[in-house]
Protein backbone atom coordinates (compact mmCIF):
# COMPACT_ATOMS: atom_id res chain seq x y z
CA MET A 1 223.75 155.46 -7.14
CA LYS A 2 226.59 157.59 -5.84
CA LEU A 3 225.87 160.51 -3.50
CA THR A 4 226.87 163.90 -4.90
CA THR A 5 229.33 166.05 -3.04
CA GLN A 6 229.43 169.80 -2.74
CA ARG A 7 232.07 169.81 -5.46
CA CYS A 8 229.75 167.84 -7.76
CA ASP A 9 226.93 170.31 -7.06
CA ARG A 10 229.21 173.23 -7.96
CA VAL A 11 230.41 171.49 -11.14
CA ARG A 12 226.82 170.81 -12.22
CA ALA A 13 226.02 174.51 -11.81
CA TRP A 14 229.14 175.30 -13.89
CA VAL A 15 227.86 172.98 -16.65
CA SER A 16 224.80 175.19 -17.05
CA VAL A 17 226.86 178.39 -16.92
CA GLU A 18 229.27 176.97 -19.51
CA LEU A 19 226.37 176.24 -21.88
CA ASP A 20 225.47 179.94 -21.67
CA GLY A 21 229.10 180.88 -22.43
CA GLU A 22 229.60 182.67 -19.13
CA LEU A 23 232.24 180.49 -17.46
CA SER A 24 235.76 181.89 -16.91
CA GLN A 25 238.83 180.10 -18.29
CA PHE A 26 239.84 179.07 -14.79
CA GLU A 27 236.39 177.61 -14.07
CA ILE A 28 236.42 175.78 -17.43
CA ALA A 29 239.74 174.16 -16.47
CA LEU A 30 238.33 173.10 -13.08
CA LEU A 31 235.16 171.79 -14.77
CA ARG A 32 237.08 169.68 -17.30
CA THR A 33 239.38 168.30 -14.61
CA HIS A 34 236.41 167.23 -12.49
CA LEU A 35 234.48 165.77 -15.44
CA ALA A 36 237.52 163.68 -16.38
CA GLY A 37 237.42 161.97 -12.98
CA CYS A 38 233.67 161.88 -12.13
CA GLU A 39 231.44 159.66 -14.25
CA ASP A 40 228.16 160.92 -12.71
CA CYS A 41 228.97 164.56 -13.46
CA ARG A 42 230.18 163.63 -16.96
CA LYS A 43 226.82 161.92 -17.60
CA PHE A 44 224.95 164.97 -16.21
CA ALA A 45 226.94 167.31 -18.48
CA ALA A 46 226.17 165.18 -21.57
CA GLU A 47 222.42 165.17 -20.78
CA ALA A 48 222.40 168.94 -20.12
CA ARG A 49 224.20 169.64 -23.42
CA ALA A 50 221.76 167.42 -25.36
CA PHE A 51 218.69 168.99 -23.74
CA THR A 52 219.98 172.54 -24.24
CA GLY A 53 220.76 171.80 -27.89
CA GLU A 54 217.23 170.48 -28.51
CA LEU A 55 215.63 173.39 -26.71
CA ARG A 56 217.63 176.02 -28.60
CA SER A 57 216.95 174.42 -31.98
CA ALA A 58 213.17 174.14 -31.45
CA PRO A 59 210.96 176.89 -32.93
CA PRO A 60 209.36 179.29 -30.44
CA GLU A 61 206.01 178.13 -29.14
CA ARG A 62 202.94 180.15 -30.17
CA LEU A 63 200.70 181.24 -27.34
CA ASP A 64 196.94 180.78 -27.55
CA VAL A 65 196.30 183.86 -25.42
CA PRO A 66 198.60 186.87 -25.66
CA ILE A 67 200.33 187.95 -22.50
CA SER A 68 199.17 191.33 -21.27
CA LEU A 69 200.81 193.13 -18.40
CA PRO A 70 198.91 195.70 -16.34
CA ARG A 71 199.91 199.30 -17.00
CA ARG A 72 201.97 200.93 -14.35
CA ARG A 73 200.85 204.23 -12.92
CA ARG A 74 203.99 206.29 -12.68
CA GLY A 75 202.42 209.75 -12.74
CA SER A 76 200.83 209.65 -9.30
CA PHE A 77 203.97 208.32 -7.64
CA ARG A 78 206.07 210.91 -9.43
CA SER A 79 203.87 213.76 -8.20
CA VAL A 80 204.20 212.49 -4.62
CA GLN A 81 207.98 212.48 -4.99
CA VAL A 82 207.97 216.05 -6.31
CA ALA A 83 205.69 217.21 -3.48
CA VAL A 84 207.89 215.61 -0.82
CA ALA A 85 211.03 217.15 -2.33
CA ALA A 86 209.41 220.59 -2.52
CA SER A 87 208.27 220.33 1.10
CA ALA A 88 211.77 219.38 2.22
CA VAL A 89 213.29 222.34 0.37
CA ALA A 90 210.70 224.70 1.85
CA ALA A 91 211.32 223.38 5.37
CA VAL A 92 215.09 223.80 5.05
CA GLY A 93 214.66 227.30 3.65
CA LEU A 94 212.25 228.34 6.39
CA GLY A 95 214.52 226.88 9.05
CA SER A 96 217.50 228.77 7.64
CA VAL A 97 215.62 232.07 7.60
CA LEU A 98 214.27 231.65 11.12
CA GLY A 99 217.64 230.48 12.40
CA SER A 100 219.47 233.45 10.90
CA LEU A 101 216.92 235.89 12.36
CA GLY A 102 217.37 234.46 15.83
CA SER A 103 221.16 234.46 15.63
CA ARG A 104 221.24 238.03 14.25
CA ASP A 105 219.25 239.26 17.27
CA ALA A 106 221.63 237.51 19.65
CA ILE A 107 224.72 238.93 17.90
CA THR A 108 223.23 242.43 17.87
CA ALA A 109 222.39 242.26 21.57
CA ARG A 110 225.93 241.21 22.48
CA SER A 111 227.96 243.52 20.24
CA ALA A 112 225.94 246.73 19.88
CA ALA A 113 226.27 249.72 22.20
CA PRO A 114 223.20 250.54 24.32
CA SER A 115 222.35 253.62 22.26
CA THR A 116 222.35 251.51 19.09
CA LEU A 117 220.08 248.96 20.71
CA GLU A 118 217.64 251.64 21.70
CA ARG A 119 217.55 253.04 18.14
CA VAL A 120 217.20 249.64 16.49
CA SER A 121 214.46 248.28 18.70
CA PRO A 122 212.62 250.92 20.70
CA ALA A 123 209.89 248.42 21.57
CA ARG A 124 212.32 246.41 23.72
CA PRO A 125 212.40 247.11 27.46
CA GLN A 126 215.18 249.34 28.74
CA ILE A 127 218.49 247.69 29.58
CA GLY A 128 219.18 247.49 33.30
CA PRO A 129 222.13 249.45 34.73
CA GLY A 130 224.30 246.36 35.27
CA LEU A 131 223.92 245.12 31.69
CA LYS A 132 224.37 248.65 30.34
CA ARG A 133 227.69 248.97 32.21
CA ALA A 134 228.82 245.56 30.92
CA VAL A 135 228.09 246.59 27.33
CA GLU A 136 229.97 249.88 27.85
CA LEU A 137 233.00 248.06 29.24
CA GLU A 138 232.94 245.57 26.39
CA SER A 139 232.84 248.27 23.72
CA ALA A 140 235.44 250.56 25.37
CA PRO A 141 239.09 250.40 24.23
CA PRO A 142 241.39 248.45 26.55
CA THR A 143 243.11 250.47 29.27
CA PRO A 144 246.86 250.06 29.82
CA PRO A 145 247.85 248.31 33.04
CA ALA A 146 248.84 250.48 36.00
CA GLY A 147 252.53 250.55 36.95
CA PRO A 148 255.59 249.73 34.86
CA SER A 149 254.69 248.29 31.50
CA SER A 150 258.01 246.75 30.49
CA ASP A 151 261.22 245.31 31.86
CA VAL A 152 263.10 248.50 30.89
CA GLU A 153 260.96 250.64 33.20
CA ARG A 154 261.26 248.15 36.09
CA HIS A 155 265.01 247.68 35.64
CA PRO A 156 266.44 250.97 34.35
CA GLY A 157 269.97 249.58 33.97
CA LYS A 158 268.78 246.86 31.64
CA GLN A 159 268.56 247.87 27.99
CA PRO A 160 266.73 245.83 25.32
CA VAL A 161 268.97 243.82 23.01
């Protein structure tokens, strides 16, 4: 008996796929070329075709005991999925609300004038003098620099072009 090669193993798998009508034209050409040169694979293909033909022509076998599959419980799993999804949505929503509250307080503290802060949150402790001065400087309009502000003032003979 001749040992089968990897190519013979692949061709024997193709024989089965061809019997199901699922082999591509290219694979059919490779199958026929191999079968023309390999007697063992040709013999295997003939036996597989004969067996498949007999099996397909035989009437279906009647079972003595009917097959019964256990019922699947989908409802309980579905409710768990819904509960997990609802919890995730609630957590994201709560995190968004809490995050926006914290960021709003920080923005208000940085950008509002001291008098506004005192009106908005009287329960907060008084702002120290250093922080109060920093807030006043931040909210005041910019002051022009001291001294000449342009080249024209520094160099009176030079006129802008």
